[in-house]
């Protein structure tokens, strides 16, 4: 089973998506693209890399996540005050 990257942004053109897929595939990753966080669903549960925005309510479901890339500046809303 390939490791998984979930990308939840609506501003990538086909060229950028193809570049991401090519790089990810060369490293053994499957890439799943979504236009918004609302579309991600259960795909987030086993992703190792997560890129996007609007994922505040879903990020805790990313149990296998090792790296998060926010699409915009400011990650404070993703930090858990309990940590």
PDB file of N, CA and C in Angstrom:
ATOM      1  N   UNK A   1       0.834  -1.182   0.000  1.00  0.00           N
ATOM      2  CA  UNK A   1       0.000   0.000   0.000  1.00  0.00           C
ATOM      3  C   UNK A   1       0.882   1.250   0.000  1.00  0.00           C
ATOM      4  N   UNK A   2       0.561   2.185  -0.878  1.00  0.00           N
ATOM      5  CA  UNK A   2       1.330   3.425  -0.959  1.00  0.00           C
ATOM      6  C   UNK A   2       0.983   4.351   0.198  1.00  0.00           C
ATOM      7  N   UNK A   3       1.953   5.152   0.557  1.00  0.00           N
ATOM      8  CA  UNK A   3       1.713   6.207   1.532  1.00  0.00           C
ATOM      9  C   UNK A   3       0.871   7.275   0.849  1.00  0.00           C
ATOM     10  N   UNK A   4       0.153   8.091   1.626  1.00  0.00           N
ATOM     11  CA  UNK A   4      -0.828   8.987   1.034  1.00  0.00           C
ATOM     12  C   UNK A   4      -0.577  10.460   1.347  1.00  0.00           C
ATOM     13  N   UNK A   5      -0.777  11.287   0.312  1.00  0.00           N
ATOM     14  CA  UNK A   5      -0.785  12.736   0.433  1.00  0.00           C
ATOM     15  C   UNK A   5      -2.200  13.207   0.117  1.00  0.00           C
ATOM     16  N   UNK A   6      -2.763  14.026   0.979  1.00  0.00           N
ATOM     17  CA  UNK A   6      -4.062  14.644   0.722  1.00  0.00           C
ATOM     18  C   UNK A   6      -3.832  16.127   0.493  1.00  0.00           C
ATOM     19  N   UNK A   7      -4.331  16.623  -0.643  1.00  0.00           N
ATOM     20  CA  UNK A   7      -4.213  18.034  -1.012  1.00  0.00           C
ATOM     21  C   UNK A   7      -5.623  18.586  -1.129  1.00  0.00           C
ATOM     22  N   UNK A   8      -5.956  19.565  -0.284  1.00  0.00           N
ATOM     23  CA  UNK A   8      -7.301  20.142  -0.271  1.00  0.00           C
ATOM     24  C   UNK A   8      -7.226  21.638  -0.543  1.00  0.00           C
ATOM     25  N   UNK A   9      -7.038  21.974  -1.807  1.00  0.00           N
ATOM     26  CA  UNK A   9      -7.008  23.375  -2.245  1.00  0.00           C
ATOM     27  C   UNK A   9      -7.694  23.482  -3.600  1.00  0.00           C
ATOM     28  N   UNK A  10      -8.185  24.669  -3.918  1.00  0.00           N
ATOM     29  CA  UNK A  10      -8.908  24.848  -5.171  1.00  0.00           C
ATOM     30  C   UNK A  10      -8.153  25.687  -6.202  1.00  0.00           C
ATOM     31  N   UNK A  11      -6.885  25.957  -5.955  1.00  0.00           N
ATOM     32  CA  UNK A  11      -6.165  26.862  -6.847  1.00  0.00           C
ATOM     33  C   UNK A  11      -5.059  26.201  -7.678  1.00  0.00           C
ATOM     34  N   UNK A  12      -4.989  24.882  -7.680  1.00  0.00           N
ATOM     35  CA  UNK A  12      -3.953  24.196  -8.457  1.00  0.00           C
ATOM     36  C   UNK A  12      -4.443  23.927  -9.874  1.00  0.00           C
ATOM     37  N   UNK A  13      -3.635  24.299 -10.847  1.00  0.00           N
ATOM     38  CA  UNK A  13      -3.989  23.952 -12.224  1.00  0.00           C
ATOM     39  C   UNK A  13      -3.462  22.543 -12.525  1.00  0.00           C
ATOM     40  N   UNK A  14      -3.807  22.006 -13.669  1.00  0.00           N
ATOM     41  CA  UNK A  14      -3.420  20.637 -14.019  1.00  0.00           C
ATOM     42  C   UNK A  14      -1.903  20.456 -14.070  1.00  0.00           C
ATOM     43  N   UNK A  15      -1.186  21.475 -14.502  1.00  0.00           N
ATOM     44  CA  UNK A  15       0.273  21.397 -14.548  1.00  0.00           C
ATOM     45  C   UNK A  15       0.850  21.189 -13.145  1.00  0.00           C
ATOM     46  N   UNK A  16       0.388  21.973 -12.190  1.00  0.00           N
ATOM     47  CA  UNK A  16       0.885  21.829 -10.814  1.00  0.00           C
ATOM     48  C   UNK A  16       0.484  20.484 -10.220  1.00  0.00           C
ATOM     49  N   UNK A  17      -0.748  20.055 -10.479  1.00  0.00           N
ATOM     50  CA  UNK A  17      -1.183  18.748  -9.980  1.00  0.00           C
ATOM     51  C   UNK A  17      -0.306  17.638 -10.550  1.00  0.00           C
ATOM     52  N   UNK A  18      -0.019  17.721 -11.837  1.00  0.00           N
ATOM     53  CA  UNK A  18       0.831  16.703 -12.469  1.00  0.00           C
ATOM     54  C   UNK A  18       2.233  16.691 -11.886  1.00  0.00           C
ATOM     55  N   UNK A  19       2.772  17.865 -11.575  1.00  0.00           N
ATOM     56  CA  UNK A  19       4.107  17.945 -10.970  1.00  0.00           C
ATOM     57  C   UNK A  19       4.111  17.332  -9.575  1.00  0.00           C
ATOM     58  N   UNK A  20       3.060  17.604  -8.809  1.00  0.00           N
ATOM     59  CA  UNK A  20       2.949  17.027  -7.465  1.00  0.00           C
ATOM     60  C   UNK A  20       2.841  15.513  -7.546  1.00  0.00           C
ATOM     61  N   UNK A  21       1.987  15.022  -8.447  1.00  0.00           N
ATOM     62  CA  UNK A  21       1.806  13.578  -8.608  1.00  0.00           C
ATOM     63  C   UNK A  21       3.104  12.907  -9.019  1.00  0.00           C
ATOM     64  N   UNK A  22       3.822  13.502  -9.953  1.00  0.00           N
ATOM     65  CA  UNK A  22       5.081  12.925 -10.424  1.00  0.00           C
ATOM     66  C   UNK A  22       6.103  12.826  -9.288  1.00  0.00           C
ATOM     67  N   UNK A  23       6.249  13.911  -8.533  1.00  0.00           N
ATOM     68  CA  UNK A  23       7.201  13.913  -7.419  1.00  0.00           C
ATOM     69  C   UNK A  23       6.764  12.930  -6.327  1.00  0.00           C
ATOM     70  N   UNK A  24       5.479  12.940  -6.007  1.00  0.00           N
ATOM     71  CA  UNK A  24       4.962  12.053  -4.967  1.00  0.00           C
ATOM     72  C   UNK A  24       5.108  10.593  -5.362  1.00  0.00           C
ATOM     73  N   UNK A  25       4.780  10.292  -6.600  1.00  0.00           N
ATOM     74  CA  UNK A  25       4.869   8.916  -7.084  1.00  0.00           C
ATOM     75  C   UNK A  25       6.307   8.400  -7.039  1.00  0.00           C
ATOM     76  N   UNK A  26       7.249   9.273  -7.354  1.00  0.00           N
ATOM     77  CA  UNK A  26       8.659   8.853  -7.332  1.00  0.00           C
ATOM     78  C   UNK A  26       9.129   8.492  -5.923  1.00  0.00           C
ATOM     79  N   UNK A  27       8.402   8.967  -4.922  1.00  0.00           N
ATOM     80  CA  UNK A  27       8.746   8.683  -3.529  1.00  0.00           C
ATOM     81  C   UNK A  27       7.802   7.666  -2.889  1.00  0.00           C
ATOM     82  N   UNK A  28       6.937   7.080  -3.708  1.00  0.00           N
ATOM     83  CA  UNK A  28       6.045   6.046  -3.210  1.00  0.00           C
ATOM     84  C   UNK A  28       4.756   6.535  -2.588  1.00  0.00           C
ATOM     85  N   UNK A  29       4.334   7.739  -2.935  1.00  0.00           N
ATOM     86  CA  UNK A  29       3.101   8.300  -2.394  1.00  0.00           C
ATOM     87  C   UNK A  29       1.981   8.280  -3.426  1.00  0.00           C
ATOM     88  N   UNK A  30       0.775   8.064  -2.949  1.00  0.00           N
ATOM     89  CA  UNK A  30      -0.444   8.256  -3.718  1.00  0.00           C
ATOM     90  C   UNK A  30      -0.933   9.665  -3.374  1.00  0.00           C
ATOM     91  N   UNK A  31      -1.421  10.417  -4.344  1.00  0.00           N
ATOM     92  CA  UNK A  31      -1.901  11.770  -4.090  1.00  0.00           C
ATOM     93  C   UNK A  31      -3.388  11.857  -4.353  1.00  0.00           C
ATOM     94  N   UNK A  32      -4.120  12.393  -3.381  1.00  0.00           N
ATOM     95  CA  UNK A  32      -5.563  12.580  -3.502  1.00  0.00           C
ATOM     96  C   UNK A  32      -5.847  14.084  -3.467  1.00  0.00           C
ATOM     97  N   UNK A  33      -6.485  14.587  -4.514  1.00  0.00           N
ATOM     98  CA  UNK A  33      -6.790  16.014  -4.615  1.00  0.00           C
ATOM     99  C   UNK A  33      -8.265  16.270  -4.328  1.00  0.00           C
ATOM    100  N   UNK A  34      -8.522  17.346  -3.591  1.00  0.00           N
ATOM    101  CA  UNK A  34      -9.872  17.787  -3.292  1.00  0.00           C
ATOM    102  C   UNK A  34      -9.926  19.302  -3.447  1.00  0.00           C
ATOM    103  N   UNK A  35     -11.072  19.821  -3.841  1.00  0.00           N
ATOM    104  CA  UNK A  35     -11.219  21.271  -4.017  1.00  0.00           C
ATOM    105  C   UNK A  35     -11.487  22.009  -2.723  1.00  0.00           C
ATOM    106  N   UNK A  36     -11.850  21.284  -1.678  1.00  0.00           N
ATOM    107  CA  UNK A  36     -12.101  21.924  -0.387  1.00  0.00           C
ATOM    108  C   UNK A  36     -11.977  20.900   0.730  1.00  0.00           C
ATOM    109  N   UNK A  37     -11.889  21.401   1.942  1.00  0.00           N
ATOM    110  CA  UNK A  37     -11.798  20.526   3.110  1.00  0.00           C
ATOM    111  C   UNK A  37     -13.072  19.703   3.266  1.00  0.00           C
ATOM    112  N   UNK A  38     -14.189  20.250   2.841  1.00  0.00           N
ATOM    113  CA  UNK A  38     -15.475  19.552   2.971  1.00  0.00           C
ATOM    114  C   UNK A  38     -15.513  18.256   2.173  1.00  0.00           C
ATOM    115  N   UNK A  39     -14.703  18.158   1.128  1.00  0.00           N
ATOM    116  CA  UNK A  39     -14.694  16.975   0.264  1.00  0.00           C
ATOM    117  C   UNK A  39     -13.776  15.866   0.757  1.00  0.00           C
ATOM    118  N   UNK A  40     -12.888  16.156   1.691  1.00  0.00           N
ATOM    119  CA  UNK A  40     -11.842  15.209   2.100  1.00  0.00           C
ATOM    120  C   UNK A  40     -12.400  13.936   2.730  1.00  0.00           C
ATOM    121  N   UNK A  41     -13.320  14.063   3.646  1.00  0.00           N
ATOM    122  CA  UNK A  41     -13.934  12.901   4.295  1.00  0.00           C
ATOM    123  C   UNK A  41     -12.925  12.002   4.985  1.00  0.00           C
ATOM    124  N   UNK A  42     -13.114  10.704   4.861  1.00  0.00           N
ATOM    125  CA  UNK A  42     -12.273   9.740   5.579  1.00  0.00           C
ATOM    126  C   UNK A  42     -10.883   9.580   4.962  1.00  0.00           C
ATOM    127  N   UNK A  43     -10.625  10.183   3.820  1.00  0.00           N
ATOM    128  CA  UNK A  43      -9.293  10.102   3.203  1.00  0.00           C
ATOM    129  C   UNK A  43      -8.218  10.676   4.120  1.00  0.00           C
ATOM    130  N   UNK A  44      -8.609  11.558   5.008  1.00  0.00           N
ATOM    131  CA  UNK A  44      -7.648  12.213   5.903  1.00  0.00           C
ATOM    132  C   UNK A  44      -7.091  11.248   6.951  1.00  0.00           C
ATOM    133  N   UNK A  45      -7.823  10.195   7.263  1.00  0.00           N
ATOM    134  CA  UNK A  45      -7.454   9.312   8.369  1.00  0.00           C
ATOM    135  C   UNK A  45      -6.086   8.665   8.218  1.00  0.00           C
ATOM    136  N   UNK A  46      -5.713   8.285   7.006  1.00  0.00           N
ATOM    137  CA  UNK A  46      -4.442   7.594   6.836  1.00  0.00           C
ATOM    138  C   UNK A  46      -3.452   8.356   5.964  1.00  0.00           C
ATOM    139  N   UNK A  47      -3.645   9.661   5.840  1.00  0.00           N
ATOM    140  CA  UNK A  47      -2.680  10.444   5.061  1.00  0.00           C
ATOM    141  C   UNK A  47      -1.451  10.738   5.907  1.00  0.00           C
ATOM    142  N   UNK A  48      -0.316  10.732   5.267  1.00  0.00           N
ATOM    143  CA  UNK A  48       0.947  11.035   5.942  1.00  0.00           C
ATOM    144  C   UNK A  48       1.295  12.509   5.774  1.00  0.00           C
ATOM    145  N   UNK A  49       0.903  13.064   4.626  1.00  0.00           N
ATOM    146  CA  UNK A  49       1.129  14.481   4.335  1.00  0.00           C
ATOM    147  C   UNK A  49      -0.211  15.116   4.017  1.00  0.00           C
ATOM    148  N   UNK A  50      -0.461  16.268   4.611  1.00  0.00           N
ATOM    149  CA  UNK A  50      -1.713  16.981   4.420  1.00  0.00           C
ATOM    150  C   UNK A  50      -1.403  18.410   4.011  1.00  0.00           C
ATOM    151  N   UNK A  51      -1.976  18.833   2.891  1.00  0.00           N
ATOM    152  CA  UNK A  51      -1.788  20.207   2.424  1.00  0.00           C
ATOM    153  C   UNK A  51      -3.147  20.821   2.173  1.00  0.00           C
ATOM    154  N   UNK A  52      -3.335  22.027   2.671  1.00  0.00           N
ATOM    155  CA  UNK A  52      -4.603  22.701   2.414  1.00  0.00           C
ATOM    156  C   UNK A  52      -4.900  23.774   3.428  1.00  0.00           C
ATOM    157  N   UNK A  53      -6.145  24.190   3.408  1.00  0.00           N
ATOM    158  CA  UNK A  53      -6.628  25.174   4.368  1.00  0.00           C
ATOM    159  C   UNK A  53      -8.070  24.833   4.698  1.00  0.00           C
ATOM    160  N   UNK A  54      -8.576  25.409   5.770  1.00  0.00           N
ATOM    161  CA  UNK A  54      -9.935  25.110   6.193  1.00  0.00           C
ATOM    162  C   UNK A  54     -10.075  23.727   6.796  1.00  0.00           C
ATOM    163  N   UNK A  55      -8.977  23.169   7.258  1.00  0.00           N
ATOM    164  CA  UNK A  55      -8.968  21.798   7.774  1.00  0.00           C
ATOM    165  C   UNK A  55      -8.973  21.729   9.303  1.00  0.00           C
ATOM    166  N   UNK A  56      -9.245  22.861   9.953  1.00  0.00           N
ATOM    167  CA  UNK A  56      -9.148  22.920  11.420  1.00  0.00           C
ATOM    168  C   UNK A  56      -9.958  21.829  12.106  1.00  0.00           C
ATOM    169  N   UNK A  57     -11.154  21.569  11.616  1.00  0.00           N
ATOM    170  CA  UNK A  57     -12.032  20.595  12.267  1.00  0.00           C
ATOM    171  C   UNK A  57     -11.676  19.154  11.916  1.00  0.00           C
ATOM    172  N   UNK A  58     -10.890  18.960  10.875  1.00  0.00           N
ATOM    173  CA  UNK A  58     -10.558  17.612  10.417  1.00  0.00           C
ATOM    174  C   UNK A  58      -9.169  17.144  10.826  1.00  0.00           C
ATOM    175  N   UNK A  59      -8.287  18.057  11.153  1.00  0.00           N
ATOM    176  CA  UNK A  59      -6.879  17.719  11.320  1.00  0.00           C
ATOM    177  C   UNK A  59      -6.644  16.669  12.411  1.00  0.00           C
ATOM    178  N   UNK A  60      -7.483  16.647  13.436  1.00  0.00           N
ATOM    179  CA  UNK A  60      -7.318  15.647  14.497  1.00  0.00           C
ATOM    180  C   UNK A  60      -7.627  14.237  14.009  1.00  0.00           C
ATOM    181  N   UNK A  61      -8.345  14.131  12.886  1.00  0.00           N
ATOM    182  CA  UNK A  61      -8.658  12.815  12.314  1.00  0.00           C
ATOM    183  C   UNK A  61      -7.494  12.252  11.502  1.00  0.00           C
ATOM    184  N   UNK A  62      -6.488  13.073  11.251  1.00  0.00           N
ATOM    185  CA  UNK A  62      -5.319  12.648  10.465  1.00  0.00           C
ATOM    186  C   UNK A  62      -4.343  11.916  11.380  1.00  0.00           C
ATOM    187  N   UNK A  63      -4.696  10.714  11.777  1.00  0.00           N
ATOM    188  CA  UNK A  63      -3.928   9.946  12.768  1.00  0.00           C
ATOM    189  C   UNK A  63      -2.534   9.556  12.291  1.00  0.00           C
ATOM    190  N   UNK A  64      -2.334   9.451  10.972  1.00  0.00           N
ATOM    191  CA  UNK A  64      -1.028   9.054  10.433  1.00  0.00           C
ATOM    192  C   UNK A  64      -0.204  10.238   9.936  1.00  0.00           C
ATOM    193  N   UNK A  65      -0.726  11.452  10.097  1.00  0.00           N
ATOM    194  CA  UNK A  65      -0.068  12.640   9.555  1.00  0.00           C
ATOM    195  C   UNK A  65       1.287  12.882  10.215  1.00  0.00           C
ATOM    196  N   UNK A  66       2.278  13.142   9.371  1.00  0.00           N
ATOM    197  CA  UNK A  66       3.619  13.487   9.836  1.00  0.00           C
ATOM    198  C   UNK A  66       3.996  14.911   9.449  1.00  0.00           C
ATOM    199  N   UNK A  67       3.296  15.453   8.447  1.00  0.00           N
ATOM    200  CA  UNK A  67       3.642  16.790   7.974  1.00  0.00           C
ATOM    201  C   UNK A  67       2.390  17.493   7.488  1.00  0.00           C
ATOM    202  N   UNK A  68       2.215  18.744   7.905  1.00  0.00           N
ATOM    203  CA  UNK A  68       1.076  19.563   7.478  1.00  0.00           C
ATOM    204  C   UNK A  68       1.601  20.816   6.804  1.00  0.00           C
ATOM    205  N   UNK A  69       1.075  21.113   5.634  1.00  0.00           N
ATOM    206  CA  UNK A  69       1.428  22.323   4.895  1.00  0.00           C
ATOM    207  C   UNK A  69       0.170  23.163   4.760  1.00  0.00           C
ATOM    208  N   UNK A  70       0.140  24.280   5.456  1.00  0.00           N
ATOM    209  CA  UNK A  70      -0.992  25.202   5.371  1.00  0.00           C
ATOM    210  C   UNK A  70      -0.852  26.034   4.097  1.00  0.00           C
ATOM    211  N   UNK A  71      -1.938  26.237   3.402  1.00  0.00           N
ATOM    212  CA  UNK A  71      -1.913  26.987   2.148  1.00  0.00           C
ATOM    213  C   UNK A  71      -1.702  28.480   2.353  1.00  0.00           C
ATOM    214  N   UNK A  72      -1.934  28.945   3.552  1.00  0.00           N
ATOM    215  CA  UNK A  72      -1.848  30.375   3.840  1.00  0.00           C
ATOM    216  C   UNK A  72      -1.036  30.599   5.111  1.00  0.00           C
ATOM    217  N   UNK A  73      -0.671  31.835   5.359  1.00  0.00           N
ATOM    218  CA  UNK A  73       0.052  32.178   6.586  1.00  0.00           C
ATOM    219  C   UNK A  73      -0.875  32.043   7.789  1.00  0.00           C
ATOM    220  N   UNK A  74      -0.295  31.751   8.924  1.00  0.00           N
ATOM    221  CA  UNK A  74      -1.052  31.677  10.163  1.00  0.00           C
ATOM    222  C   UNK A  74      -1.555  30.283  10.461  1.00  0.00           C
ATOM    223  N   UNK A  75      -0.914  29.616  11.391  1.00  0.00           N
ATOM    224  CA  UNK A  75      -1.330  28.258  11.745  1.00  0.00           C
ATOM    225  C   UNK A  75      -1.914  28.182  13.158  1.00  0.00           C
ATOM    226  N   UNK A  76      -2.093  29.317  13.796  1.00  0.00           N
ATOM    227  CA  UNK A  76      -2.557  29.337  15.168  1.00  0.00           C
ATOM    228  C   UNK A  76      -3.865  28.565  15.359  1.00  0.00           C
ATOM    229  N   UNK A  77      -4.767  28.656  14.394  1.00  0.00           N
ATOM    230  CA  UNK A  77      -6.067  27.999  14.525  1.00  0.00           C
ATOM    231  C   UNK A  77      -5.939  26.476  14.472  1.00  0.00           C
ATOM    232  N   UNK A  78      -4.793  25.965  14.065  1.00  0.00           N
ATOM    233  CA  UNK A  78      -4.569  24.523  14.000  1.00  0.00           C
ATOM    234  C   UNK A  78      -3.922  23.975  15.267  1.00  0.00           C
ATOM    235  N   UNK A  79      -3.434  24.850  16.121  1.00  0.00           N
ATOM    236  CA  UNK A  79      -2.756  24.419  17.340  1.00  0.00           C
ATOM    237  C   UNK A  79      -3.770  24.054  18.408  1.00  0.00           C
ATOM    238  N   UNK A  80      -3.520  22.991  19.114  1.00  0.00           N
ATOM    239  CA  UNK A  80      -4.398  22.544  20.175  1.00  0.00           C
ATOM    240  C   UNK A  80      -3.911  23.162  21.489  1.00  0.00           C
ATOM    241  N   UNK A  81      -4.749  23.974  22.142  1.00  0.00           N
ATOM    242  CA  UNK A  81      -4.305  24.609  23.392  1.00  0.00           C
ATOM    243  C   UNK A  81      -4.009  23.593  24.501  1.00  0.00           C
ATOM    244  N   UNK A  82      -4.453  22.361  24.339  1.00  0.00           N
ATOM    245  CA  UNK A  82      -4.199  21.325  25.349  1.00  0.00           C
ATOM    246  C   UNK A  82      -2.761  20.797  25.275  1.00  0.00           C
ATOM    247  N   UNK A  83      -2.077  21.072  24.170  1.00  0.00           N
ATOM    248  CA  UNK A  83      -0.707  20.562  24.008  1.00  0.00           C
ATOM    249  C   UNK A  83       0.305  21.384  24.750  1.00  0.00           C
TER     250      UNK A  83
END
